[in-house]
Amino acid sequence: MTTETRETRLKRLHMRSWRRGIKEMDLVLGKFSDELLGSLSDADLDVYEALLEENDQDMLRWITGQDPTPEGYADLFGRISAHAHSKGTAH
């Protein structure tokens, strides 16, 4: 097992943030990653990494308020959503 440095992890998560299944989530997660990913704690990065495994269609429904965000993601996704809405990237 290799131990990944924080810098390598951030680069990997940043790349995954910009390479989603749908363009809307590219913009939401990519821009969040550009501006705020490095400021997340290691625990928040764990949640963010798990979030990246979720279906883009589900995340789109969460960010637009069509469906409630699962509790385990609620705090972090709330920050992502607030960032997206402040930047005009969520509808």
PDB file of N, CA and C in Angstrom:
ATOM      1  N   MET A   1       0.836  -1.177   0.000  1.00  0.00           N
ATOM      2  CA  MET A   1       0.000   0.000   0.000  1.00  0.00           C
ATOM      3  C   MET A   1       0.884   1.245   0.000  1.00  0.00           C
ATOM      4  N   THR A   2       0.580   2.180  -0.871  1.00  0.00           N
ATOM      5  CA  THR A   2       1.340   3.419  -0.908  1.00  0.00           C
ATOM      6  C   THR A   2       0.596   4.505  -0.142  1.00  0.00           C
ATOM      7  N   THR A   3       1.343   5.371   0.470  1.00  0.00           N
ATOM      8  CA  THR A   3       0.760   6.476   1.193  1.00  0.00           C
ATOM      9  C   THR A   3       0.799   7.707   0.294  1.00  0.00           C
ATOM     10  N   GLU A   4      -0.357   8.255   0.059  1.00  0.00           N
ATOM     11  CA  GLU A   4      -0.486   9.408  -0.817  1.00  0.00           C
ATOM     12  C   GLU A   4      -0.270  10.690  -0.007  1.00  0.00           C
ATOM     13  N   THR A   5       0.518  11.604  -0.528  1.00  0.00           N
ATOM     14  CA  THR A   5       0.701  12.883   0.152  1.00  0.00           C
ATOM     15  C   THR A   5      -0.567  13.722  -0.019  1.00  0.00           C
ATOM     16  N   ARG A   6      -0.732  14.710   0.844  1.00  0.00           N
ATOM     17  CA  ARG A   6      -1.883  15.607   0.728  1.00  0.00           C
ATOM     18  C   ARG A   6      -1.875  16.309  -0.632  1.00  0.00           C
ATOM     19  N   GLU A   7      -0.726  16.752  -1.069  1.00  0.00           N
ATOM     20  CA  GLU A   7      -0.617  17.442  -2.354  1.00  0.00           C
ATOM     21  C   GLU A   7      -1.080  16.543  -3.505  1.00  0.00           C
ATOM     22  N   THR A   8      -0.651  15.294  -3.495  1.00  0.00           N
ATOM     23  CA  THR A   8      -1.061  14.347  -4.540  1.00  0.00           C
ATOM     24  C   THR A   8      -2.556  14.084  -4.460  1.00  0.00           C
ATOM     25  N   ARG A   9      -3.061  13.936  -3.247  1.00  0.00           N
ATOM     26  CA  ARG A   9      -4.498  13.702  -3.075  1.00  0.00           C
ATOM     27  C   ARG A   9      -5.298  14.888  -3.618  1.00  0.00           C
ATOM     28  N   LEU A  10      -4.878  16.095  -3.291  1.00  0.00           N
ATOM     29  CA  LEU A  10      -5.580  17.283  -3.779  1.00  0.00           C
ATOM     30  C   LEU A  10      -5.570  17.343  -5.305  1.00  0.00           C
ATOM     31  N   LYS A  11      -4.458  17.027  -5.909  1.00  0.00           N
ATOM     32  CA  LYS A  11      -4.370  17.029  -7.374  1.00  0.00           C
ATOM     33  C   LYS A  11      -5.323  16.000  -7.975  1.00  0.00           C
ATOM     34  N   ARG A  12      -5.361  14.812  -7.374  1.00  0.00           N
ATOM     35  CA  ARG A  12      -6.235  13.749  -7.875  1.00  0.00           C
ATOM     36  C   ARG A  12      -7.702  14.146  -7.735  1.00  0.00           C
ATOM     37  N   LEU A  13      -8.074  14.666  -6.576  1.00  0.00           N
ATOM     38  CA  LEU A  13      -9.463  15.070  -6.353  1.00  0.00           C
ATOM     39  C   LEU A  13      -9.851  16.247  -7.234  1.00  0.00           C
ATOM     40  N   HIS A  14      -8.909  17.149  -7.459  1.00  0.00           N
ATOM     41  CA  HIS A  14      -9.165  18.289  -8.355  1.00  0.00           C
ATOM     42  C   HIS A  14      -9.464  17.797  -9.771  1.00  0.00           C
ATOM     43  N   MET A  15      -8.652  16.873 -10.253  1.00  0.00           N
ATOM     44  CA  MET A  15      -8.874  16.333 -11.591  1.00  0.00           C
ATOM     45  C   MET A  15     -10.243  15.655 -11.682  1.00  0.00           C
ATOM     46  N   ARG A  16     -10.590  14.862 -10.659  1.00  0.00           N
ATOM     47  CA  ARG A  16     -11.878  14.165 -10.653  1.00  0.00           C
ATOM     48  C   ARG A  16     -13.039  15.144 -10.547  1.00  0.00           C
ATOM     49  N   SER A  17     -12.813  16.299  -9.938  1.00  0.00           N
ATOM     50  CA  SER A  17     -13.861  17.310  -9.819  1.00  0.00           C
ATOM     51  C   SER A  17     -14.224  17.903 -11.173  1.00  0.00           C
ATOM     52  N   TRP A  18     -13.236  18.032 -12.044  1.00  0.00           N
ATOM     53  CA  TRP A  18     -13.453  18.616 -13.368  1.00  0.00           C
ATOM     54  C   TRP A  18     -13.825  17.586 -14.429  1.00  0.00           C
ATOM     55  N   ARG A  19     -13.736  16.310 -14.117  1.00  0.00           N
ATOM     56  CA  ARG A  19     -14.041  15.260 -15.104  1.00  0.00           C
ATOM     57  C   ARG A  19     -15.207  14.420 -14.609  1.00  0.00           C
ATOM     58  N   ARG A  20     -16.395  15.044 -14.588  1.00  0.00           N
ATOM     59  CA  ARG A  20     -17.611  14.401 -14.127  1.00  0.00           C
ATOM     60  C   ARG A  20     -18.366  13.833 -15.322  1.00  0.00           C
ATOM     61  N   GLY A  21     -19.523  13.285 -15.068  1.00  0.00           N
ATOM     62  CA  GLY A  21     -20.333  12.731 -16.150  1.00  0.00           C
ATOM     63  C   GLY A  21     -21.159  13.762 -16.880  1.00  0.00           C
ATOM     64  N   ILE A  22     -21.487  14.858 -16.183  1.00  0.00           N
ATOM     65  CA  ILE A  22     -22.276  15.908 -16.826  1.00  0.00           C
ATOM     66  C   ILE A  22     -21.623  17.265 -16.585  1.00  0.00           C
ATOM     67  N   LYS A  23     -21.756  18.143 -17.558  1.00  0.00           N
ATOM     68  CA  LYS A  23     -21.079  19.435 -17.542  1.00  0.00           C
ATOM     69  C   LYS A  23     -21.456  20.282 -16.333  1.00  0.00           C
ATOM     70  N   GLU A  24     -22.732  20.224 -15.923  1.00  0.00           N
ATOM     71  CA  GLU A  24     -23.169  21.021 -14.777  1.00  0.00           C
ATOM     72  C   GLU A  24     -22.353  20.691 -13.525  1.00  0.00           C
ATOM     73  N   MET A  25     -22.120  19.406 -13.301  1.00  0.00           N
ATOM     74  CA  MET A  25     -21.355  19.023 -12.111  1.00  0.00           C
ATOM     75  C   MET A  25     -19.869  19.305 -12.298  1.00  0.00           C
ATOM     76  N   ASP A  26     -19.373  19.279 -13.539  1.00  0.00           N
ATOM     77  CA  ASP A  26     -18.003  19.730 -13.797  1.00  0.00           C
ATOM     78  C   ASP A  26     -17.838  21.149 -13.277  1.00  0.00           C
ATOM     79  N   LEU A  27     -18.786  22.003 -13.627  1.00  0.00           N
ATOM     80  CA  LEU A  27     -18.699  23.415 -13.246  1.00  0.00           C
ATOM     81  C   LEU A  27     -18.835  23.607 -11.737  1.00  0.00           C
ATOM     82  N   VAL A  28     -19.794  22.939 -11.136  1.00  0.00           N
ATOM     83  CA  VAL A  28     -20.024  23.095  -9.699  1.00  0.00           C
ATOM     84  C   VAL A  28     -18.825  22.576  -8.908  1.00  0.00           C
ATOM     85  N   LEU A  29     -18.450  21.330  -9.142  1.00  0.00           N
ATOM     86  CA  LEU A  29     -17.367  20.728  -8.366  1.00  0.00           C
ATOM     87  C   LEU A  29     -15.998  21.260  -8.784  1.00  0.00           C
ATOM     88  N   GLY A  30     -15.825  21.501 -10.068  1.00  0.00           N
ATOM     89  CA  GLY A  30     -14.547  22.017 -10.551  1.00  0.00           C
ATOM     90  C   GLY A  30     -14.218  23.379  -9.976  1.00  0.00           C
ATOM     91  N   LYS A  31     -15.201  24.275 -10.006  1.00  0.00           N
ATOM     92  CA  LYS A  31     -14.959  25.619  -9.473  1.00  0.00           C
ATOM     93  C   LYS A  31     -14.768  25.595  -7.959  1.00  0.00           C
ATOM     94  N   PHE A  32     -15.533  24.745  -7.270  1.00  0.00           N
ATOM     95  CA  PHE A  32     -15.329  24.586  -5.830  1.00  0.00           C
ATOM     96  C   PHE A  32     -13.909  24.082  -5.577  1.00  0.00           C
ATOM     97  N   SER A  33     -13.492  23.110  -6.349  1.00  0.00           N
ATOM     98  CA  SER A  33     -12.154  22.542  -6.209  1.00  0.00           C
ATOM     99  C   SER A  33     -11.084  23.597  -6.471  1.00  0.00           C
ATOM    100  N   ASP A  34     -11.269  24.389  -7.519  1.00  0.00           N
ATOM    101  CA  ASP A  34     -10.302  25.441  -7.843  1.00  0.00           C
ATOM    102  C   ASP A  34     -10.085  26.383  -6.668  1.00  0.00           C
ATOM    103  N   GLU A  35     -11.171  26.747  -6.001  1.00  0.00           N
ATOM    104  CA  GLU A  35     -11.095  27.801  -5.002  1.00  0.00           C
ATOM    105  C   GLU A  35     -10.988  27.322  -3.555  1.00  0.00           C
ATOM    106  N   LEU A  36     -11.590  26.175  -3.218  1.00  0.00           N
ATOM    107  CA  LEU A  36     -11.703  25.826  -1.812  1.00  0.00           C
ATOM    108  C   LEU A  36     -11.194  24.440  -1.409  1.00  0.00           C
ATOM    109  N   LEU A  37     -10.877  23.594  -2.364  1.00  0.00           N
ATOM    110  CA  LEU A  37     -10.488  22.229  -2.023  1.00  0.00           C
ATOM    111  C   LEU A  37      -9.298  22.200  -1.064  1.00  0.00           C
ATOM    112  N   GLY A  38      -8.316  23.020  -1.308  1.00  0.00           N
ATOM    113  CA  GLY A  38      -7.112  23.034  -0.473  1.00  0.00           C
ATOM    114  C   GLY A  38      -7.348  23.475   0.952  1.00  0.00           C
ATOM    115  N   SER A  39      -8.468  24.135   1.196  1.00  0.00           N
ATOM    116  CA  SER A  39      -8.758  24.608   2.557  1.00  0.00           C
ATOM    117  C   SER A  39      -9.525  23.578   3.384  1.00  0.00           C
ATOM    118  N   LEU A  40      -9.931  22.469   2.771  1.00  0.00           N
ATOM    119  CA  LEU A  40     -10.682  21.444   3.495  1.00  0.00           C
ATOM    120  C   LEU A  40      -9.771  20.655   4.429  1.00  0.00           C
ATOM    121  N   SER A  41     -10.329  20.265   5.553  1.00  0.00           N
ATOM    122  CA  SER A  41      -9.598  19.404   6.489  1.00  0.00           C
ATOM    123  C   SER A  41      -9.478  18.006   5.878  1.00  0.00           C
ATOM    124  N   ASP A  42      -8.640  17.177   6.444  1.00  0.00           N
ATOM    125  CA  ASP A  42      -8.515  15.807   5.963  1.00  0.00           C
ATOM    126  C   ASP A  42      -9.838  15.056   6.091  1.00  0.00           C
ATOM    127  N   ALA A  43     -10.565  15.304   7.187  1.00  0.00           N
ATOM    128  CA  ALA A  43     -11.870  14.648   7.367  1.00  0.00           C
ATOM    129  C   ALA A  43     -12.850  15.096   6.291  1.00  0.00           C
ATOM    130  N   ASP A  44     -12.849  16.396   5.959  1.00  0.00           N
ATOM    131  CA  ASP A  44     -13.720  16.877   4.885  1.00  0.00           C
ATOM    132  C   ASP A  44     -13.296  16.322   3.528  1.00  0.00           C
ATOM    133  N   LEU A  45     -11.997  16.149   3.339  1.00  0.00           N
ATOM    134  CA  LEU A  45     -11.526  15.537   2.086  1.00  0.00           C
ATOM    135  C   LEU A  45     -12.020  14.103   1.968  1.00  0.00           C
ATOM    136  N   ASP A  46     -12.097  13.389   3.089  1.00  0.00           N
ATOM    137  CA  ASP A  46     -12.649  12.032   3.062  1.00  0.00           C
ATOM    138  C   ASP A  46     -14.098  12.056   2.590  1.00  0.00           C
ATOM    139  N   VAL A  47     -14.881  13.002   3.111  1.00  0.00           N
ATOM    140  CA  VAL A  47     -16.282  13.127   2.701  1.00  0.00           C
ATOM    141  C   VAL A  47     -16.356  13.538   1.236  1.00  0.00           C
ATOM    142  N   TYR A  48     -15.520  14.482   0.834  1.00  0.00           N
ATOM    143  CA  TYR A  48     -15.507  14.947  -0.556  1.00  0.00           C
ATOM    144  C   TYR A  48     -15.166  13.803  -1.508  1.00  0.00           C
ATOM    145  N   GLU A  49     -14.198  13.010  -1.130  1.00  0.00           N
ATOM    146  CA  GLU A  49     -13.804  11.879  -1.974  1.00  0.00           C
ATOM    147  C   GLU A  49     -14.955  10.879  -2.112  1.00  0.00           C
ATOM    148  N   ALA A  50     -15.662  10.615  -1.024  1.00  0.00           N
ATOM    149  CA  ALA A  50     -16.837   9.733  -1.081  1.00  0.00           C
ATOM    150  C   ALA A  50     -17.923  10.361  -1.957  1.00  0.00           C
ATOM    151  N   LEU A  51     -18.084  11.669  -1.843  1.00  0.00           N
ATOM    152  CA  LEU A  51     -19.079  12.372  -2.650  1.00  0.00           C
ATOM    153  C   LEU A  51     -18.802  12.213  -4.139  1.00  0.00           C
ATOM    154  N   LEU A  52     -17.534  12.221  -4.506  1.00  0.00           N
ATOM    155  CA  LEU A  52     -17.167  12.077  -5.919  1.00  0.00           C
ATOM    156  C   LEU A  52     -17.555  10.719  -6.495  1.00  0.00           C
ATOM    157  N   GLU A  53     -17.835   9.764  -5.624  1.00  0.00           N
ATOM    158  CA  GLU A  53     -18.286   8.444  -6.073  1.00  0.00           C
ATOM    159  C   GLU A  53     -19.782   8.415  -6.377  1.00  0.00           C
ATOM    160  N   GLU A  54     -20.497   9.462  -5.971  1.00  0.00           N
ATOM    161  CA  GLU A  54     -21.945   9.521  -6.168  1.00  0.00           C
ATOM    162  C   GLU A  54     -22.274   9.822  -7.631  1.00  0.00           C
ATOM    163  N   ASN A  55     -23.486   9.480  -7.995  1.00  0.00           N
ATOM    164  CA  ASN A  55     -23.989   9.712  -9.345  1.00  0.00           C
ATOM    165  C   ASN A  55     -24.202  11.210  -9.574  1.00  0.00           C
ATOM    166  N   ASP A  56     -23.755  11.700 -10.712  1.00  0.00           N
ATOM    167  CA  ASP A  56     -23.907  13.122 -11.024  1.00  0.00           C
ATOM    168  C   ASP A  56     -25.366  13.560 -11.075  1.00  0.00           C
ATOM    169  N   GLN A  57     -26.227  12.716 -11.580  1.00  0.00           N
ATOM    170  CA  GLN A  57     -27.651  13.075 -11.646  1.00  0.00           C
ATOM    171  C   GLN A  57     -28.217  13.279 -10.242  1.00  0.00           C
ATOM    172  N   ASP A  58     -27.803  12.442  -9.295  1.00  0.00           N
ATOM    173  CA  ASP A  58     -28.247  12.610  -7.913  1.00  0.00           C
ATOM    174  C   ASP A  58     -27.726  13.926  -7.343  1.00  0.00           C
ATOM    175  N   MET A  59     -26.448  14.205  -7.564  1.00  0.00           N
ATOM    176  CA  MET A  59     -25.875  15.448  -7.049  1.00  0.00           C
ATOM    177  C   MET A  59     -26.543  16.667  -7.653  1.00  0.00           C
ATOM    178  N   LEU A  60     -26.889  16.594  -8.922  1.00  0.00           N
ATOM    179  CA  LEU A  60     -27.575  17.709  -9.569  1.00  0.00           C
ATOM    180  C   LEU A  60     -28.932  17.956  -8.908  1.00  0.00           C
ATOM    181  N   ARG A  61     -29.622  16.882  -8.563  1.00  0.00           N
ATOM    182  CA  ARG A  61     -30.914  17.017  -7.876  1.00  0.00           C
ATOM    183  C   ARG A  61     -30.727  17.594  -6.474  1.00  0.00           C
ATOM    184  N   TRP A  62     -29.621  17.264  -5.825  1.00  0.00           N
ATOM    185  CA  TRP A  62     -29.356  17.822  -4.491  1.00  0.00           C
ATOM    186  C   TRP A  62     -29.081  19.312  -4.588  1.00  0.00           C
ATOM    187  N   ILE A  63     -28.247  19.705  -5.566  1.00  0.00           N
ATOM    188  CA  ILE A  63     -27.827  21.105  -5.650  1.00  0.00           C
ATOM    189  C   ILE A  63     -28.970  22.013  -6.102  1.00  0.00           C
ATOM    190  N   THR A  64     -29.914  21.461  -6.845  1.00  0.00           N
ATOM    191  CA  THR A  64     -31.063  22.257  -7.282  1.00  0.00           C
ATOM    192  C   THR A  64     -32.206  22.191  -6.279  1.00  0.00           C
ATOM    193  N   GLY A  65     -32.036  21.396  -5.229  1.00  0.00           N
ATOM    194  CA  GLY A  65     -33.062  21.295  -4.209  1.00  0.00           C
ATOM    195  C   GLY A  65     -34.215  20.373  -4.557  1.00  0.00           C
ATOM    196  N   GLN A  66     -34.090  19.614  -5.631  1.00  0.00           N
ATOM    197  CA  GLN A  66     -35.152  18.684  -6.027  1.00  0.00           C
ATOM    198  C   GLN A  66     -35.230  17.493  -5.080  1.00  0.00           C
ATOM    199  N   ASP A  67     -34.101  17.116  -4.521  1.00  0.00           N
ATOM    200  CA  ASP A  67     -34.038  16.017  -3.553  1.00  0.00           C
ATOM    201  C   ASP A  67     -33.194  16.467  -2.371  1.00  0.00           C
ATOM    202  N   PRO A  68     -33.467  15.954  -1.179  1.00  0.00           N
ATOM    203  CA  PRO A  68     -32.615  16.308  -0.034  1.00  0.00           C
ATOM    204  C   PRO A  68     -31.243  15.640  -0.153  1.00  0.00           C
ATOM    205  N   THR A  69     -30.244  16.335   0.326  1.00  0.00           N
ATOM    206  CA  THR A  69     -28.890  15.791   0.350  1.00  0.00           C
ATOM    207  C   THR A  69     -28.798  14.766   1.474  1.00  0.00           C
ATOM    208  N   PRO A  70     -28.221  13.592   1.207  1.00  0.00           N
ATOM    209  CA  PRO A  70     -28.034  12.605   2.281  1.00  0.00           C
ATOM    210  C   PRO A  70     -27.278  13.214   3.460  1.00  0.00           C
ATOM    211  N   GLU A  71     -27.651  12.823   4.650  1.00  0.00           N
ATOM    212  CA  GLU A  71     -27.119  13.423   5.877  1.00  0.00           C
ATOM    213  C   GLU A  71     -25.595  13.423   5.942  1.00  0.00           C
ATOM    214  N   GLY A  72     -24.963  12.359   5.522  1.00  0.00           N
ATOM    215  CA  GLY A  72     -23.506  12.281   5.591  1.00  0.00           C
ATOM    216  C   GLY A  72     -22.789  13.313   4.734  1.00  0.00           C
ATOM    217  N   TYR A  73     -23.473  13.832   3.743  1.00  0.00           N
ATOM    218  CA  TYR A  73     -22.889  14.836   2.855  1.00  0.00           C
ATOM    219  C   TYR A  73     -23.434  16.235   3.110  1.00  0.00           C
ATOM    220  N   ALA A  74     -24.427  16.367   3.967  1.00  0.00           N
ATOM    221  CA  ALA A  74     -25.197  17.610   4.092  1.00  0.00           C
ATOM    222  C   ALA A  74     -24.316  18.830   4.379  1.00  0.00           C
ATOM    223  N   ASP A  75     -23.418  18.752   5.340  1.00  0.00           N
ATOM    224  CA  ASP A  75     -22.597  19.912   5.690  1.00  0.00           C
ATOM    225  C   ASP A  75     -21.692  20.318   4.536  1.00  0.00           C
ATOM    226  N   LEU A  76     -20.906  19.397   4.043  1.00  0.00           N
ATOM    227  CA  LEU A  76     -19.976  19.709   2.963  1.00  0.00           C
ATOM    228  C   LEU A  76     -20.722  20.099   1.694  1.00  0.00           C
ATOM    229  N   PHE A  77     -21.774  19.369   1.363  1.00  0.00           N
ATOM    230  CA  PHE A  77     -22.490  19.693   0.132  1.00  0.00           C
ATOM    231  C   PHE A  77     -23.196  21.043   0.255  1.00  0.00           C
ATOM    232  N   GLY A  78     -23.593  21.411   1.467  1.00  0.00           N
ATOM    233  CA  GLY A  78     -24.153  22.741   1.685  1.00  0.00           C
ATOM    234  C   GLY A  78     -23.150  23.828   1.338  1.00  0.00           C
ATOM    235  N   ARG A  79     -21.893  23.607   1.708  1.00  0.00           N
ATOM    236  CA  ARG A  79     -20.830  24.564   1.370  1.00  0.00           C
ATOM    237  C   ARG A  79     -20.579  24.595  -0.131  1.00  0.00           C
ATOM    238  N   ILE A  80     -20.603  23.431  -0.760  1.00  0.00           N
ATOM    239  CA  ILE A  80     -20.418  23.362  -2.214  1.00  0.00           C
ATOM    240  C   ILE A  80     -21.564  24.094  -2.911  1.00  0.00           C
ATOM    241  N   SER A  81     -22.776  23.847  -2.458  1.00  0.00           N
ATOM    242  CA  SER A  81     -23.956  24.480  -3.045  1.00  0.00           C
ATOM    243  C   SER A  81     -23.918  25.996  -2.864  1.00  0.00           C
ATOM    244  N   ALA A  82     -23.583  26.456  -1.659  1.00  0.00           N
ATOM    245  CA  ALA A  82     -23.500  27.893  -1.413  1.00  0.00           C
ATOM    246  C   ALA A  82     -22.451  28.531  -2.320  1.00  0.00           C
ATOM    247  N   HIS A  83     -21.333  27.860  -2.498  1.00  0.00           N
ATOM    248  CA  HIS A  83     -20.284  28.362  -3.385  1.00  0.00           C
ATOM    249  C   HIS A  83     -20.795  28.443  -4.816  1.00  0.00           C
ATOM    250  N   ALA A  84     -21.467  27.403  -5.262  1.00  0.00           N
ATOM    251  CA  ALA A  84     -21.988  27.370  -6.632  1.00  0.00           C
ATOM    252  C   ALA A  84     -23.020  28.479  -6.858  1.00  0.00           C
ATOM    253  N   HIS A  85     -23.907  28.657  -5.903  1.00  0.00           N
ATOM    254  CA  HIS A  85     -24.929  29.691  -6.045  1.00  0.00           C
ATOM    255  C   HIS A  85     -24.329  31.082  -6.010  1.00  0.00           C
ATOM    256  N   SER A  86     -23.277  31.279  -5.234  1.00  0.00           N
ATOM    257  CA  SER A  86     -22.628  32.599  -5.174  1.00  0.00           C
ATOM    258  C   SER A  86     -21.877  32.923  -6.475  1.00  0.00           C
ATOM    259  N   LYS A  87     -21.476  31.870  -7.168  1.00  0.00           N
ATOM    260  CA  LYS A  87     -20.749  32.038  -8.431  1.00  0.00           C
ATOM    261  C   LYS A  87     -21.661  31.951  -9.648  1.00  0.00           C
ATOM    262  N   GLY A  88     -22.932  31.647  -9.406  1.00  0.00           N
ATOM    263  CA  GLY A  88     -23.872  31.541 -10.524  1.00  0.00           C
ATOM    264  C   GLY A  88     -23.728  30.280 -11.337  1.00  0.00           C
ATOM    265  N   THR A  89     -23.172  29.205 -10.743  1.00  0.00           N
ATOM    266  CA  THR A  89     -22.975  27.964 -11.501  1.00  0.00           C
ATOM    267  C   THR A  89     -24.045  26.930 -11.216  1.00  0.00           C
ATOM    268  N   ALA A  90     -24.955  27.208 -10.282  1.00  0.00           N
ATOM    269  CA  ALA A  90     -26.066  26.281  -9.996  1.00  0.00           C
ATOM    270  C   ALA A  90     -27.363  26.973 -10.339  1.00  0.00           C
ATOM    271  N   HIS A  91     -28.281  26.190 -10.869  1.00  0.00           N
ATOM    272  CA  HIS A  91     -29.566  26.778 -11.308  1.00  0.00           C
ATOM    273  C   HIS A  91     -30.653  26.462 -10.329  1.00  0.00           C
TER     274      HIS A  91
END
